[in-house]
PDB file of N, CA and C in Angstrom:
ATOM      1  N   UNK A   1       0.747  -1.244  -0.300  1.00  0.00           N
ATOM      2  CA  UNK A   1       0.257   0.110  -0.073  1.00  0.00           C
ATOM      3  C   UNK A   1       0.738   1.489  -0.165  1.00  0.00           C
ATOM      4  N   UNK A   2       0.912   2.332  -1.152  1.00  0.00           N
ATOM      5  CA  UNK A   2       1.935   3.207  -0.941  1.00  0.00           C
ATOM      6  C   UNK A   2       1.135   4.306  -0.006  1.00  0.00           C
ATOM      7  N   UNK A   3       1.969   5.708   0.008  1.00  0.00           N
ATOM      8  CA  UNK A   3       1.329   6.606   0.374  1.00  0.00           C
ATOM      9  C   UNK A   3      -0.083   7.060  -0.149  1.00  0.00           C
ATOM     10  N   UNK A   4      -0.204   7.408  -1.057  1.00  0.00           N
ATOM     11  CA  UNK A   4      -1.627   8.105  -1.662  1.00  0.00           C
ATOM     12  C   UNK A   4      -2.380   6.812  -1.453  1.00  0.00           C
ATOM     13  N   UNK A   5      -2.601   5.809  -1.396  1.00  0.00           N
ATOM     14  CA  UNK A   5      -3.596   4.714  -0.655  1.00  0.00           C
ATOM     15  C   UNK A   5      -3.801   4.680   0.928  1.00  0.00           C
ATOM     16  N   UNK A   6      -2.472   5.538   1.447  1.00  0.00           N
ATOM     17  CA  UNK A   6      -2.702   6.114   3.191  1.00  0.00           C
ATOM     18  C   UNK A   6      -3.518   7.338   3.056  1.00  0.00           C
ATOM     19  N   UNK A   7      -3.119   7.938   2.271  1.00  0.00           N
ATOM     20  CA  UNK A   7      -3.811   9.308   2.459  1.00  0.00           C
ATOM     21  C   UNK A   7      -5.018   9.714   1.969  1.00  0.00           C
ATOM     22  N   UNK A   8      -5.722   8.750   1.456  1.00  0.00           N
ATOM     23  CA  UNK A   8      -6.701   8.241   1.254  1.00  0.00           C
ATOM     24  C   UNK A   8      -7.512   7.336   2.160  1.00  0.00           C
ATOM     25  N   UNK A   9      -6.941   6.396   2.603  1.00  0.00           N
ATOM     26  CA  UNK A   9      -7.642   6.270   3.871  1.00  0.00           C
ATOM     27  C   UNK A   9      -7.345   7.266   5.627  1.00  0.00           C
ATOM     28  N   UNK A  10      -6.701   7.675   5.289  1.00  0.00           N
ATOM     29  CA  UNK A  10      -6.642   8.574   6.351  1.00  0.00           C
ATOM     30  C   UNK A  10      -7.521   9.873   6.265  1.00  0.00           C
ATOM     31  N   UNK A  11      -7.749  10.394   5.162  1.00  0.00           N
ATOM     32  CA  UNK A  11      -8.646  11.270   4.483  1.00  0.00           C
ATOM     33  C   UNK A  11     -10.110  10.875   5.238  1.00  0.00           C
ATOM     34  N   UNK A  12     -10.648   9.450   4.936  1.00  0.00           N
ATOM     35  CA  UNK A  12     -11.696   8.936   5.072  1.00  0.00           C
ATOM     36  C   UNK A  12     -11.874   8.704   6.555  1.00  0.00           C
ATOM     37  N   UNK A  13     -10.841   8.487   7.558  1.00  0.00           N
ATOM     38  CA  UNK A  13     -11.161   8.477   8.886  1.00  0.00           C
ATOM     39  C   UNK A  13     -11.305  10.246   9.133  1.00  0.00           C
ATOM     40  N   UNK A  14     -10.423  10.854   8.943  1.00  0.00           N
ATOM     41  CA  UNK A  14     -10.356  12.389   9.133  1.00  0.00           C
ATOM     42  C   UNK A  14     -11.369  12.846   8.759  1.00  0.00           C
ATOM     43  N   UNK A  15     -12.343  12.944   7.870  1.00  0.00           N
ATOM     44  CA  UNK A  15     -13.728  13.488   7.418  1.00  0.00           C
ATOM     45  C   UNK A  15     -14.717  13.080   8.247  1.00  0.00           C
ATOM     46  N   UNK A  16     -14.577  12.142   9.032  1.00  0.00           N
ATOM     47  CA  UNK A  16     -15.334  11.776   9.973  1.00  0.00           C
ATOM     48  C   UNK A  16     -15.907  12.603  11.094  1.00  0.00           C
ATOM     49  N   UNK A  17     -14.739  13.256  11.367  1.00  0.00           N
ATOM     50  CA  UNK A  17     -14.544  14.080  12.515  1.00  0.00           C
ATOM     51  C   UNK A  17     -14.603  15.586  12.330  1.00  0.00           C
ATOM     52  N   UNK A  18     -14.390  15.949  11.037  1.00  0.00           N
ATOM     53  CA  UNK A  18     -14.664  17.538  10.523  1.00  0.00           C
ATOM     54  C   UNK A  18     -15.936  18.268  11.260  1.00  0.00           C
ATOM     55  N   UNK A  19     -15.577  19.282  11.893  1.00  0.00           N
ATOM     56  CA  UNK A  19     -16.654  20.211  11.831  1.00  0.00           C
ATOM     57  C   UNK A  19     -17.218  20.466  10.729  1.00  0.00           C
ATOM     58  N   UNK A  20     -18.688  20.727  10.855  1.00  0.00           N
ATOM     59  CA  UNK A  20     -19.585  21.045   9.851  1.00  0.00           C
ATOM     60  C   UNK A  20     -19.229  22.208   9.256  1.00  0.00           C
ATOM     61  N   UNK A  21     -18.457  23.298   9.643  1.00  0.00           N
ATOM     62  CA  UNK A  21     -18.207  24.507   8.680  1.00  0.00           C
ATOM     63  C   UNK A  21     -16.579  23.935   7.882  1.00  0.00           C
ATOM     64  N   UNK A  22     -16.172  22.780   8.170  1.00  0.00           N
ATOM     65  CA  UNK A  22     -15.198  22.603   7.381  1.00  0.00           C
ATOM     66  C   UNK A  22     -15.145  21.486   6.481  1.00  0.00           C
ATOM     67  N   UNK A  23     -14.917  22.097   5.050  1.00  0.00           N
ATOM     68  CA  UNK A  23     -15.038  21.184   3.660  1.00  0.00           C
ATOM     69  C   UNK A  23     -14.270  20.233   3.802  1.00  0.00           C
ATOM     70  N   UNK A  24     -14.557  18.790   2.992  1.00  0.00           N
ATOM     71  CA  UNK A  24     -13.787  17.796   3.123  1.00  0.00           C
ATOM     72  C   UNK A  24     -11.932  18.259   2.345  1.00  0.00           C
ATOM     73  N   UNK A  25     -12.939  19.005   1.278  1.00  0.00           N
ATOM     74  CA  UNK A  25     -11.697  19.433   0.608  1.00  0.00           C
ATOM     75  C   UNK A  25     -10.578  20.244   1.208  1.00  0.00           C
ATOM     76  N   UNK A  26     -10.579  20.597   2.125  1.00  0.00           N
ATOM     77  CA  UNK A  26      -9.598  21.388   2.878  1.00  0.00           C
ATOM     78  C   UNK A  26      -8.559  20.205   3.640  1.00  0.00           C
ATOM     79  N   UNK A  27      -8.751  19.037   3.501  1.00  0.00           N
ATOM     80  CA  UNK A  27      -7.568  18.247   4.070  1.00  0.00           C
ATOM     81  C   UNK A  27      -6.944  17.592   2.963  1.00  0.00           C
ATOM     82  N   UNK A  28      -5.922  17.958   3.331  1.00  0.00           N
ATOM     83  CA  UNK A  28      -4.721  17.841   2.336  1.00  0.00           C
ATOM     84  C   UNK A  28      -3.493  17.341   3.334  1.00  0.00           C
ATOM     85  N   UNK A  29      -2.480  17.289   2.788  1.00  0.00           N
ATOM     86  CA  UNK A  29      -1.092  16.726   3.627  1.00  0.00           C
ATOM     87  C   UNK A  29      -0.551  17.759   4.111  1.00  0.00           C
ATOM     88  N   UNK A  30      -0.655  18.834   3.880  1.00  0.00           N
ATOM     89  CA  UNK A  30      -0.185  20.009   5.251  1.00  0.00           C
ATOM     90  C   UNK A  30      -1.227  20.654   5.652  1.00  0.00           C
ATOM     91  N   UNK A  31      -2.216  19.695   5.956  1.00  0.00           N
ATOM     92  CA  UNK A  31      -3.449  20.885   7.006  1.00  0.00           C
ATOM     93  C   UNK A  31      -3.170  20.252   8.338  1.00  0.00           C
ATOM     94  N   UNK A  32      -3.167  21.124   9.377  1.00  0.00           N
ATOM     95  CA  UNK A  32      -2.673  20.828  10.738  1.00  0.00           C
ATOM     96  C   UNK A  32      -4.188  20.664  11.281  1.00  0.00           C
ATOM     97  N   UNK A  33      -4.196  19.195  11.856  1.00  0.00           N
ATOM     98  CA  UNK A  33      -5.414  19.200  12.422  1.00  0.00           C
ATOM     99  C   UNK A  33      -6.368  19.808  13.144  1.00  0.00           C
ATOM    100  N   UNK A  34      -5.662  20.770  14.216  1.00  0.00           N
ATOM    101  CA  UNK A  34      -6.010  21.493  15.020  1.00  0.00           C
ATOM    102  C   UNK A  34      -6.411  23.078  14.505  1.00  0.00           C
ATOM    103  N   UNK A  35      -5.239  23.380  14.064  1.00  0.00           N
ATOM    104  CA  UNK A  35      -5.697  25.163  13.953  1.00  0.00           C
ATOM    105  C   UNK A  35      -6.416  25.222  11.855  1.00  0.00           C
ATOM    106  N   UNK A  36      -6.230  24.169  11.187  1.00  0.00           N
ATOM    107  CA  UNK A  36      -6.930  24.738   9.710  1.00  0.00           C
ATOM    108  C   UNK A  36      -8.075  23.420   9.691  1.00  0.00           C
ATOM    109  N   UNK A  37      -7.998  22.419  10.504  1.00  0.00           N
ATOM    110  CA  UNK A  37      -9.320  21.413  10.514  1.00  0.00           C
ATOM    111  C   UNK A  37     -10.108  21.753  11.163  1.00  0.00           C
ATOM    112  N   UNK A  38      -9.931  22.589  12.594  1.00  0.00           N
ATOM    113  CA  UNK A  38     -10.761  22.491  13.922  1.00  0.00           C
ATOM    114  C   UNK A  38     -11.240  21.029  14.601  1.00  0.00           C
ATOM    115  N   UNK A  39     -10.184  20.229  14.372  1.00  0.00           N
ATOM    116  CA  UNK A  39     -10.452  19.138  15.116  1.00  0.00           C
ATOM    117  C   UNK A  39      -9.976  19.315  16.471  1.00  0.00           C
ATOM    118  N   UNK A  40     -11.212  18.741  17.771  1.00  0.00           N
ATOM    119  CA  UNK A  40     -10.633  19.016  19.012  1.00  0.00           C
ATOM    120  C   UNK A  40      -9.808  17.797  19.072  1.00  0.00           C
ATOM    121  N   UNK A  41      -8.932  18.133  20.391  1.00  0.00           N
ATOM    122  CA  UNK A  41      -8.046  16.473  21.097  1.00  0.00           C
ATOM    123  C   UNK A  41      -9.140  15.431  21.085  1.00  0.00           C
ATOM    124  N   UNK A  42     -10.184  15.852  21.895  1.00  0.00           N
ATOM    125  CA  UNK A  42     -11.105  14.469  21.541  1.00  0.00           C
ATOM    126  C   UNK A  42     -11.386  13.964  20.661  1.00  0.00           C
ATOM    127  N   UNK A  43     -11.605  14.636  19.482  1.00  0.00           N
ATOM    128  CA  UNK A  43     -11.451  14.018  17.745  1.00  0.00           C
ATOM    129  C   UNK A  43     -10.512  13.146  17.597  1.00  0.00           C
ATOM    130  N   UNK A  44      -9.076  13.970  18.180  1.00  0.00           N
ATOM    131  CA  UNK A  44      -7.975  13.568  17.866  1.00  0.00           C
ATOM    132  C   UNK A  44      -7.728  12.202  18.383  1.00  0.00           C
ATOM    133  N   UNK A  45      -7.834  11.979  19.208  1.00  0.00           N
ATOM    134  CA  UNK A  45      -7.836  10.894  20.031  1.00  0.00           C
ATOM    135  C   UNK A  45      -8.698   9.382  19.239  1.00  0.00           C
ATOM    136  N   UNK A  46      -9.844  10.019  18.693  1.00  0.00           N
ATOM    137  CA  UNK A  46     -10.737   8.919  18.184  1.00  0.00           C
ATOM    138  C   UNK A  46     -10.164   8.668  16.582  1.00  0.00           C
ATOM    139  N   UNK A  47      -9.569   9.742  16.200  1.00  0.00           N
ATOM    140  CA  UNK A  47      -8.897   9.710  15.067  1.00  0.00           C
ATOM    141  C   UNK A  47      -7.456   8.718  14.860  1.00  0.00           C
ATOM    142  N   UNK A  48      -6.743   8.879  16.055  1.00  0.00           N
ATOM    143  CA  UNK A  48      -5.582   7.865  16.690  1.00  0.00           C
ATOM    144  C   UNK A  48      -6.254   6.241  16.420  1.00  0.00           C
ATOM    145  N   UNK A  49      -7.380   6.185  17.385  1.00  0.00           N
ATOM    146  CA  UNK A  49      -7.669   4.713  17.637  1.00  0.00           C
ATOM    147  C   UNK A  49      -7.978   4.234  15.904  1.00  0.00           C
ATOM    148  N   UNK A  50      -9.109   5.141  15.443  1.00  0.00           N
ATOM    149  CA  UNK A  50      -9.407   4.518  14.227  1.00  0.00           C
ATOM    150  C   UNK A  50      -8.059   4.346  13.326  1.00  0.00           C
ATOM    151  N   UNK A  51      -6.998   5.120  13.396  1.00  0.00           N
ATOM    152  CA  UNK A  51      -6.304   4.643  12.072  1.00  0.00           C
ATOM    153  C   UNK A  51      -5.128   3.301  13.218  1.00  0.00           C
ATOM    154  N   UNK A  52      -5.318   3.061  14.092  1.00  0.00           N
ATOM    155  CA  UNK A  52      -4.869   1.998  14.645  1.00  0.00           C
ATOM    156  C   UNK A  52      -5.731   0.957  14.035  1.00  0.00           C
ATOM    157  N   UNK A  53      -6.798   0.765  14.314  1.00  0.00           N
ATOM    158  CA  UNK A  53      -7.629   0.207  13.392  1.00  0.00           C
ATOM    159  C   UNK A  53      -7.581  -0.343  12.257  1.00  0.00           C
ATOM    160  N   UNK A  54      -7.537   0.951  11.408  1.00  0.00           N
ATOM    161  CA  UNK A  54      -7.694   0.704  10.210  1.00  0.00           C
ATOM    162  C   UNK A  54      -6.278  -0.049   9.574  1.00  0.00           C
ATOM    163  N   UNK A  55      -5.241   0.656  10.151  1.00  0.00           N
ATOM    164  CA  UNK A  55      -3.481   0.106   9.981  1.00  0.00           C
ATOM    165  C   UNK A  55      -3.295  -0.805  10.540  1.00  0.00           C
ATOM    166  N   UNK A  56      -4.072  -1.320  11.319  1.00  0.00           N
ATOM    167  CA  UNK A  56      -3.224  -2.671  12.015  1.00  0.00           C
ATOM    168  C   UNK A  56      -2.176  -2.114  13.167  1.00  0.00           C
ATOM    169  N   UNK A  57      -1.897  -1.053  13.645  1.00  0.00           N
ATOM    170  CA  UNK A  57      -0.769  -0.759  14.229  1.00  0.00           C
ATOM    171  C   UNK A  57      -0.839  -0.065  15.418  1.00  0.00           C
ATOM    172  N   UNK A  58      -0.041   0.372  16.575  1.00  0.00           N
ATOM    173  CA  UNK A  58      -0.427   1.001  17.490  1.00  0.00           C
ATOM    174  C   UNK A  58       0.569   1.983  17.269  1.00  0.00           C
ATOM    175  N   UNK A  59      -0.208   3.172  18.202  1.00  0.00           N
ATOM    176  CA  UNK A  59       0.187   4.396  18.263  1.00  0.00           C
ATOM    177  C   UNK A  59       0.159   4.731  19.820  1.00  0.00           C
ATOM    178  N   UNK A  60       1.922   5.392  20.110  1.00  0.00           N
ATOM    179  CA  UNK A  60       2.220   5.575  21.392  1.00  0.00           C
ATOM    180  C   UNK A  60       1.731   6.870  21.874  1.00  0.00           C
ATOM    181  N   UNK A  61       1.807   7.485  23.013  1.00  0.00           N
ATOM    182  CA  UNK A  61       1.248   8.796  23.349  1.00  0.00           C
ATOM    183  C   UNK A  61       2.221  10.181  22.652  1.00  0.00           C
ATOM    184  N   UNK A  62       3.971   9.636  22.689  1.00  0.00           N
ATOM    185  CA  UNK A  62       4.953  10.438  21.966  1.00  0.00           C
ATOM    186  C   UNK A  62       4.487  10.566  20.189  1.00  0.00           C
ATOM    187  N   UNK A  63       3.895   9.508  19.641  1.00  0.00           N
ATOM    188  CA  UNK A  63       3.416   9.511  18.070  1.00  0.00           C
ATOM    189  C   UNK A  63       2.255  10.462  18.185  1.00  0.00           C
ATOM    190  N   UNK A  64       1.293  10.370  18.704  1.00  0.00           N
ATOM    191  CA  UNK A  64      -0.034  11.389  19.011  1.00  0.00           C
ATOM    192  C   UNK A  64       0.946  13.305  19.167  1.00  0.00           C
ATOM    193  N   UNK A  65       1.481  13.329  20.014  1.00  0.00           N
ATOM    194  CA  UNK A  65       2.078  14.164  20.237  1.00  0.00           C
ATOM    195  C   UNK A  65       2.957  14.845  19.002  1.00  0.00           C
ATOM    196  N   UNK A  66       3.188  14.028  18.130  1.00  0.00           N
ATOM    197  CA  UNK A  66       4.371  14.236  16.876  1.00  0.00           C
ATOM    198  C   UNK A  66       3.389  14.960  15.730  1.00  0.00           C
ATOM    199  N   UNK A  67       1.864  14.436  15.968  1.00  0.00           N
ATOM    200  CA  UNK A  67       0.797  14.393  14.737  1.00  0.00           C
ATOM    201  C   UNK A  67       0.188  15.680  14.713  1.00  0.00           C
ATOM    202  N   UNK A  68       0.753  16.892  13.985  1.00  0.00           N
ATOM    203  CA  UNK A  68       0.500  17.895  14.580  1.00  0.00           C
ATOM    204  C   UNK A  68      -0.187  18.229  12.898  1.00  0.00           C
ATOM    205  N   UNK A  69       0.317  17.771  11.499  1.00  0.00           N
ATOM    206  CA  UNK A  69      -0.289  17.678  10.487  1.00  0.00           C
ATOM    207  C   UNK A  69      -0.852  16.052   9.735  1.00  0.00           C
ATOM    208  N   UNK A  70      -1.461  16.244   8.744  1.00  0.00           N
ATOM    209  CA  UNK A  70      -2.043  15.121   8.045  1.00  0.00           C
ATOM    210  C   UNK A  70      -0.683  14.795   7.738  1.00  0.00           C
ATOM    211  N   UNK A  71       0.446  14.754   7.225  1.00  0.00           N
ATOM    212  CA  UNK A  71       1.602  14.385   6.658  1.00  0.00           C
ATOM    213  C   UNK A  71       2.530  13.845   7.849  1.00  0.00           C
ATOM    214  N   UNK A  72       1.858  14.286   8.896  1.00  0.00           N
ATOM    215  CA  UNK A  72       3.037  13.946  10.271  1.00  0.00           C
ATOM    216  C   UNK A  72       2.084  12.715  10.394  1.00  0.00           C
ATOM    217  N   UNK A  73       1.046  12.545  10.495  1.00  0.00           N
ATOM    218  CA  UNK A  73       0.582  11.284  10.966  1.00  0.00           C
ATOM    219  C   UNK A  73       0.637  10.024   9.596  1.00  0.00           C
ATOM    220  N   UNK A  74       1.250  10.608   8.053  1.00  0.00           N
ATOM    221  CA  UNK A  74       1.173  10.323   7.432  1.00  0.00           C
ATOM    222  C   UNK A  74       2.603   9.434   7.460  1.00  0.00           C
ATOM    223  N   UNK A  75       3.611  10.269   7.998  1.00  0.00           N
ATOM    224  CA  UNK A  75       4.933   9.954   8.470  1.00  0.00           C
ATOM    225  C   UNK A  75       4.744   8.405   9.238  1.00  0.00           C
ATOM    226  N   UNK A  76       3.971   8.810  10.479  1.00  0.00           N
ATOM    227  CA  UNK A  76       4.055   7.894  11.411  1.00  0.00           C
ATOM    228  C   UNK A  76       3.311   6.604  11.037  1.00  0.00           C
ATOM    229  N   UNK A  77       2.243   6.528  10.357  1.00  0.00           N
ATOM    230  CA  UNK A  77       1.908   5.656  10.068  1.00  0.00           C
ATOM    231  C   UNK A  77       2.704   4.414   8.685  1.00  0.00           C
ATOM    232  N   UNK A  78       3.444   5.183   8.043  1.00  0.00           N
ATOM    233  CA  UNK A  78       4.322   4.702   7.071  1.00  0.00           C
ATOM    234  C   UNK A  78       5.499   3.895   7.818  1.00  0.00           C
ATOM    235  N   UNK A  79       6.187   4.772   9.271  1.00  0.00           N
ATOM    236  CA  UNK A  79       7.102   4.206  10.035  1.00  0.00           C
ATOM    237  C   UNK A  79       6.587   2.715  10.677  1.00  0.00           C
ATOM    238  N   UNK A  80       5.589   3.085  11.264  1.00  0.00           N
ATOM    239  CA  UNK A  80       4.738   1.969  12.114  1.00  0.00           C
ATOM    240  C   UNK A  80       4.641   0.425  11.026  1.00  0.00           C
ATOM    241  N   UNK A  81       4.323   0.960   9.757  1.00  0.00           N
ATOM    242  CA  UNK A  81       4.020  -0.108   8.805  1.00  0.00           C
ATOM    243  C   UNK A  81       5.161  -0.786   8.845  1.00  0.00           C
ATOM    244  N   UNK A  82       6.151  -0.202   8.503  1.00  0.00           N
ATOM    245  CA  UNK A  82       7.631  -0.445   7.991  1.00  0.00           C
ATOM    246  C   UNK A  82       8.031  -1.384   9.246  1.00  0.00           C
ATOM    247  N   UNK A  83       8.001  -1.083  10.831  1.00  0.00           N
ATOM    248  CA  UNK A  83       8.480  -1.493  11.486  1.00  0.00           C
ATOM    249  C   UNK A  83       7.891  -2.826  11.726  1.00  0.00           C
ATOM    250  N   UNK A  84       6.842  -3.466  11.513  1.00  0.00           N
ATOM    251  CA  UNK A  84       6.043  -4.449  11.332  1.00  0.00           C
ATOM    252  C   UNK A  84       6.310  -5.252  10.381  1.00  0.00           C
ATOM    253  N   UNK A  85       7.123  -5.244   9.459  1.00  0.00           N
ATOM    254  CA  UNK A  85       7.487  -6.117   8.891  1.00  0.00           C
ATOM    255  C   UNK A  85       8.542  -6.504   9.475  1.00  0.00           C
TER     256      UNK A  85
END
């Protein structure tokens, strides 16, 4: 599974938690979860749990602390998947 597929899968997860005033099109690789997508910390935890389920990985608290943008999340997902091999 390539990064593009990871992005599509992550975008599908994130769009579930977007506030009504944020369009799905706003989700880009450089989008900041809190500042641009207006995702609160409770929903960010839900996103992390959904990512763990969707990708079959385990994210630690320090991983979540590094997840500021969609690209950060993609990099962490990619690293965790490589570590599983």
